[in-house]
Every structure is written in C-alpha cells, then in structure tokens.
Amino acid sequence: MEVVIINGKKRDGVGKKATKAVRKTSEVPCVIYGAEGVTHFQALEKDFRHLIYTPDFKIAEIFVDGKKYRCILKDKQLHPVNESLLHLDFLQLTPGRPIKVNIPVRFTGSSVGVKAGGKLIQSIRRVQIKCVPEAIITELTVDISDLDLGQSVRVRDIIVPNGIEMMNAGSIPLGLIEIPRALRSAQTEAAKKK
C-alpha cells in the first residue's frame, strides 16, 4: 500500500481570520478526526498533490509537531474557480475499529464484446467498502473476459476478500459493452433479410 508522508504544524487559531492567514502562506488548513479527539494542523499545499490528484487509494502518514497520525483522506474542499485546496479532513486509523472507504475498481482481461467491435463504458470508478484498517486494500478487480456485446458487469460480480464488506448495492452496474451504432445497424439489416 502506498503511503504519502505529510509534515505539518499545529494550528492554534481555527476561526475565519486565522484560516485566511494560513491560506495566504500557501498552506492548507486541515483537521484530523481521531479516537483521542480532533487535531487542527496546517501543511504546504504542494505536499498533498500525490494524495489528492490521483485515482489510486493511498494512506497518509501525517507528522504534526513530532506526533505521527496514520490517516485516510475523508473530505476535501476546492476553490470554485482556481481549484486550489481550501480545506482537508482526515480520519485517523484506529486498529480494530471499522471504517468506510472508497476504493477504485479496475477491469482485467479482454472482453469478447470489445474484440467484436463494442466499446467498454465504465460507469462507476470507485466503490465503498467497510473494513478494519488492517484489512484495507488498494483496489478491487473484476474480470470482464466473458462480457459480450450488450452485457454488463455489476457490483455483485466483484470478488471481495475476507474481512471486507461491500457497501454498494449489488445490482449497480460497474460497466457495460456498448454496441456501436454501425454494428447495431448491420445487425438490424441482417435480421430484416432473414
């Protein structure tokens, strides 16, 4: 599992005025919610790049005044115009305490339908799972080798490892093999001739 290390310093003021002052120094105000309470800190915006702007699931190890927090990113606020980071919320991982996380879904294999001219459309890129921190995985995979034209793969088709509970409904489609218009027209013409 990939870990991003972030060095921060504790924040004293948490009001609007103090938060604006933090942002002016190219730092981001952040909060860690943990079993021992809430920790307010600030860190440089560039330190969060590898954690925020990636499709992969990563763990953050945050050092605040010498104390280490092992966390996951729970929420982020971006500026509506320039998309700079305004605020980040982290959840501290406590061993044995279940958490809900969104992890990416990857497709494996070459679909029969794609080989026949279809197009793979992925409708969901992340699913929510519930597990203890020791059982967290970085991604779930689904084999699409048997998918033909017009068929779809659903959440229930994901093989989930032991210790992990799927939070999404099993009937939600993850992706489907779309039949292109030209291929559909050719099939219709062939059906008319019969």
Protein backbone atom coordinates (compact mmCIF):
# COMPACT_ATOMS: atom_id res chain seq x y z
CA MET A 1 0.00 0.00 0.00
CA GLU A 2 1.36 3.39 -1.00
CA VAL A 3 1.86 5.89 1.82
CA VAL A 4 2.15 9.67 1.42
CA ILE A 5 4.14 11.45 4.13
CA ILE A 6 2.98 14.93 5.13
CA ASN A 7 4.78 17.22 7.56
CA GLY A 8 2.53 19.74 9.26
CA LYS A 9 2.44 22.06 12.21
CA LYS A 10 -0.29 22.51 14.78
CA ARG A 11 -2.79 25.35 14.28
CA ASP A 12 -3.79 27.50 17.21
CA GLY A 13 -6.49 29.67 15.66
CA VAL A 14 -9.39 27.96 13.89
CA GLY A 15 -11.64 30.90 13.01
CA LYS A 16 -12.11 32.64 9.65
CA LYS A 17 -9.35 35.16 10.26
CA ALA A 18 -6.79 32.52 11.27
CA THR A 19 -7.78 30.28 8.33
CA LYS A 20 -7.32 33.12 5.81
CA ALA A 21 -3.89 33.85 7.29
CA VAL A 22 -2.89 30.18 6.82
CA ARG A 23 -4.02 30.17 3.16
CA LYS A 24 -2.00 33.33 2.42
CA THR A 25 1.20 31.42 3.30
CA SER A 26 0.46 28.73 0.60
CA GLU A 27 -0.56 26.30 3.31
CA VAL A 28 -3.81 24.39 3.73
CA PRO A 29 -5.81 24.24 6.98
CA CYS A 30 -6.56 20.62 7.89
CA VAL A 31 -8.32 18.59 10.57
CA ILE A 32 -7.64 15.05 11.81
CA TYR A 33 -10.59 13.31 13.46
CA GLY A 34 -9.35 10.53 15.71
CA ALA A 35 -10.17 8.42 18.75
CA GLU A 36 -8.31 10.84 21.05
CA GLY A 37 -10.06 13.89 19.66
CA VAL A 38 -9.65 16.49 16.95
CA THR A 39 -6.27 17.82 15.78
CA HIS A 40 -6.06 21.03 13.74
CA PHE A 41 -2.92 21.46 11.64
CA GLN A 42 -1.59 23.15 8.52
CA ALA A 43 0.77 21.97 5.81
CA LEU A 44 2.08 23.13 2.44
CA GLU A 45 -0.39 22.69 -0.43
CA LYS A 46 2.22 21.01 -2.66
CA ASP A 47 2.66 18.20 -0.09
CA PHE A 48 -0.89 16.97 -0.78
CA ARG A 49 -0.50 16.63 -4.57
CA HIS A 50 0.24 12.90 -4.58
CA LEU A 51 -2.65 12.24 -2.21
CA ILE A 52 -5.38 14.35 -3.85
CA TYR A 53 -4.72 14.33 -7.60
CA THR A 54 -4.59 10.59 -8.21
CA PRO A 55 -7.13 7.87 -8.98
CA ASP A 56 -5.29 5.50 -6.59
CA PHE A 57 -6.15 4.88 -2.94
CA LYS A 58 -3.37 6.00 -0.59
CA ILE A 59 -2.77 6.24 3.15
CA ALA A 60 -1.45 9.49 4.64
CA GLU A 61 1.15 9.49 7.41
CA ILE A 62 0.91 12.94 8.93
CA PHE A 63 3.54 14.26 11.33
CA VAL A 64 2.29 17.15 13.49
CA ASP A 65 4.87 18.54 15.91
CA GLY A 66 6.64 15.17 16.14
CA LYS A 67 3.49 13.05 16.60
CA LYS A 68 2.57 10.57 13.84
CA TYR A 69 -1.00 10.07 12.63
CA ARG A 70 -1.90 7.30 10.17
CA CYS A 71 -4.95 8.58 8.28
CA ILE A 72 -7.15 8.41 5.22
CA LEU A 73 -8.50 11.43 3.38
CA LYS A 74 -12.20 11.82 4.20
CA ASP A 75 -13.13 15.12 2.51
CA LYS A 76 -11.62 17.98 0.55
CA GLN A 77 -12.77 21.49 -0.31
CA LEU A 78 -11.52 23.11 -3.52
CA HIS A 79 -11.80 26.73 -4.60
CA PRO A 80 -14.71 27.00 -7.09
CA VAL A 81 -12.69 28.99 -9.67
CA ASN A 82 -8.98 28.12 -9.49
CA GLU A 83 -9.44 24.70 -7.78
CA SER A 84 -6.75 25.33 -5.16
CA LEU A 85 -7.12 23.40 -1.91
CA LEU A 86 -9.13 25.24 0.74
CA HIS A 87 -9.51 22.60 3.46
CA LEU A 88 -8.89 18.89 4.10
CA ASP A 89 -10.48 16.46 6.57
CA PHE A 90 -8.64 13.29 7.61
CA LEU A 91 -9.81 10.27 9.59
CA GLN A 92 -7.23 8.64 11.87
CA LEU A 93 -6.99 4.87 11.51
CA THR A 94 -7.50 3.06 14.80
CA PRO A 95 -6.58 -0.66 14.80
CA GLY A 96 -9.64 -2.90 15.11
CA ARG A 97 -12.13 -0.08 14.52
CA PRO A 98 -14.12 -0.49 11.24
CA ILE A 99 -14.12 2.34 8.71
CA LYS A 100 -15.78 3.00 5.36
CA VAL A 101 -13.52 3.89 2.42
CA ASN A 102 -13.97 4.42 -1.30
CA ILE A 103 -11.52 2.38 -3.35
CA PRO A 104 -11.02 2.13 -7.12
CA VAL A 105 -12.38 -0.70 -9.27
CA ARG A 106 -10.16 -1.98 -12.10
CA PHE A 107 -11.19 -4.20 -15.00
CA THR A 108 -8.96 -7.11 -16.00
CA GLY A 109 -8.99 -9.26 -19.13
CA SER A 110 -10.01 -8.59 -22.72
CA SER A 111 -13.73 -8.63 -23.33
CA VAL A 112 -15.21 -10.76 -26.12
CA GLY A 113 -17.60 -7.88 -26.88
CA VAL A 114 -14.79 -5.35 -27.28
CA LYS A 115 -12.99 -7.71 -29.66
CA ALA A 116 -16.23 -7.92 -31.68
CA GLY A 117 -16.30 -4.12 -32.08
CA GLY A 118 -18.08 -3.00 -28.90
CA LYS A 119 -16.98 -0.20 -26.59
CA LEU A 120 -16.36 -0.64 -22.86
CA ILE A 121 -18.16 2.05 -20.83
CA GLN A 122 -17.17 2.21 -17.14
CA SER A 123 -19.99 3.83 -15.16
CA ILE A 124 -18.52 3.55 -11.64
CA ARG A 125 -14.85 4.03 -10.89
CA ARG A 126 -14.98 3.65 -7.07
CA VAL A 127 -16.96 1.51 -4.65
CA GLN A 128 -17.40 1.86 -0.91
CA ILE A 129 -16.20 -0.88 1.41
CA LYS A 130 -16.26 -1.35 5.18
CA CYS A 131 -13.33 -2.99 6.95
CA VAL A 132 -10.83 -2.63 9.78
CA PRO A 133 -7.61 -0.69 8.95
CA GLU A 134 -5.57 -3.91 8.93
CA ALA A 135 -7.70 -5.31 6.05
CA ILE A 136 -7.68 -2.21 3.78
CA ILE A 137 -6.87 -2.98 0.16
CA THR A 138 -5.84 -0.51 -2.54
CA GLU A 139 -8.22 -1.70 -5.28
CA LEU A 140 -10.79 -4.31 -6.30
CA THR A 141 -10.63 -6.07 -9.67
CA VAL A 142 -13.33 -7.51 -11.91
CA ASP A 143 -12.65 -9.90 -14.78
CA ILE A 144 -14.54 -8.82 -17.93
CA SER A 145 -13.21 -11.53 -20.27
CA ASP A 146 -16.65 -13.19 -20.69
CA LEU A 147 -18.60 -9.96 -21.40
CA ASP A 148 -20.22 -9.93 -24.84
CA LEU A 149 -21.93 -7.10 -26.74
CA GLY A 150 -24.71 -5.50 -24.69
CA GLN A 151 -23.74 -7.27 -21.44
CA SER A 152 -22.81 -5.52 -18.21
CA VAL A 153 -20.80 -6.28 -15.08
CA ARG A 154 -22.31 -5.39 -11.70
CA VAL A 155 -21.11 -4.75 -8.15
CA ARG A 156 -22.18 -8.29 -7.15
CA ASP A 157 -19.63 -9.67 -9.69
CA ILE A 158 -16.70 -8.29 -7.64
CA ILE A 159 -14.90 -11.00 -5.68
CA VAL A 160 -14.47 -9.42 -2.25
CA PRO A 161 -11.67 -10.69 0.05
CA ASN A 162 -12.45 -11.92 3.58
CA GLY A 163 -12.87 -9.21 6.19
CA ILE A 164 -14.28 -6.69 3.71
CA GLU A 165 -17.95 -5.78 3.42
CA MET A 166 -19.30 -4.18 0.23
CA MET A 167 -21.46 -1.12 0.96
CA ASN A 168 -22.82 -0.53 -2.59
CA ALA A 169 -25.94 -2.35 -3.79
CA GLY A 170 -25.11 -5.49 -5.77
CA SER A 171 -27.35 -4.56 -8.71
CA ILE A 172 -25.46 -1.34 -9.57
CA PRO A 173 -23.72 -1.69 -12.97
CA LEU A 174 -19.97 -1.03 -13.00
CA GLY A 175 -19.63 -1.08 -16.76
CA LEU A 176 -21.10 -2.42 -19.96
CA ILE A 177 -20.08 -3.31 -23.50
CA GLU A 178 -21.92 -0.83 -25.69
CA ILE A 179 -22.91 -1.86 -29.20
CA PRO A 180 -21.76 0.83 -31.67
CA ARG A 181 -24.41 2.33 -33.97
CA ALA A 182 -22.77 0.95 -37.13
CA LEU A 183 -22.71 -2.57 -35.68
CA ARG A 184 -26.32 -2.24 -34.48
CA SER A 185 -27.42 -1.12 -37.98
CA ALA A 186 -25.64 -4.08 -39.55
CA GLN A 187 -27.40 -6.47 -37.13
CA THR A 188 -30.79 -4.91 -37.93
CA GLU A 189 -30.20 -5.25 -41.68
CA ALA A 190 -29.18 -8.88 -41.25
CA ALA A 191 -32.34 -9.57 -39.21
CA LYS A 192 -34.55 -7.99 -41.91
CA LYS A 193 -33.06 -10.19 -44.65
CA LYS A 194 -33.94 -13.37 -42.73
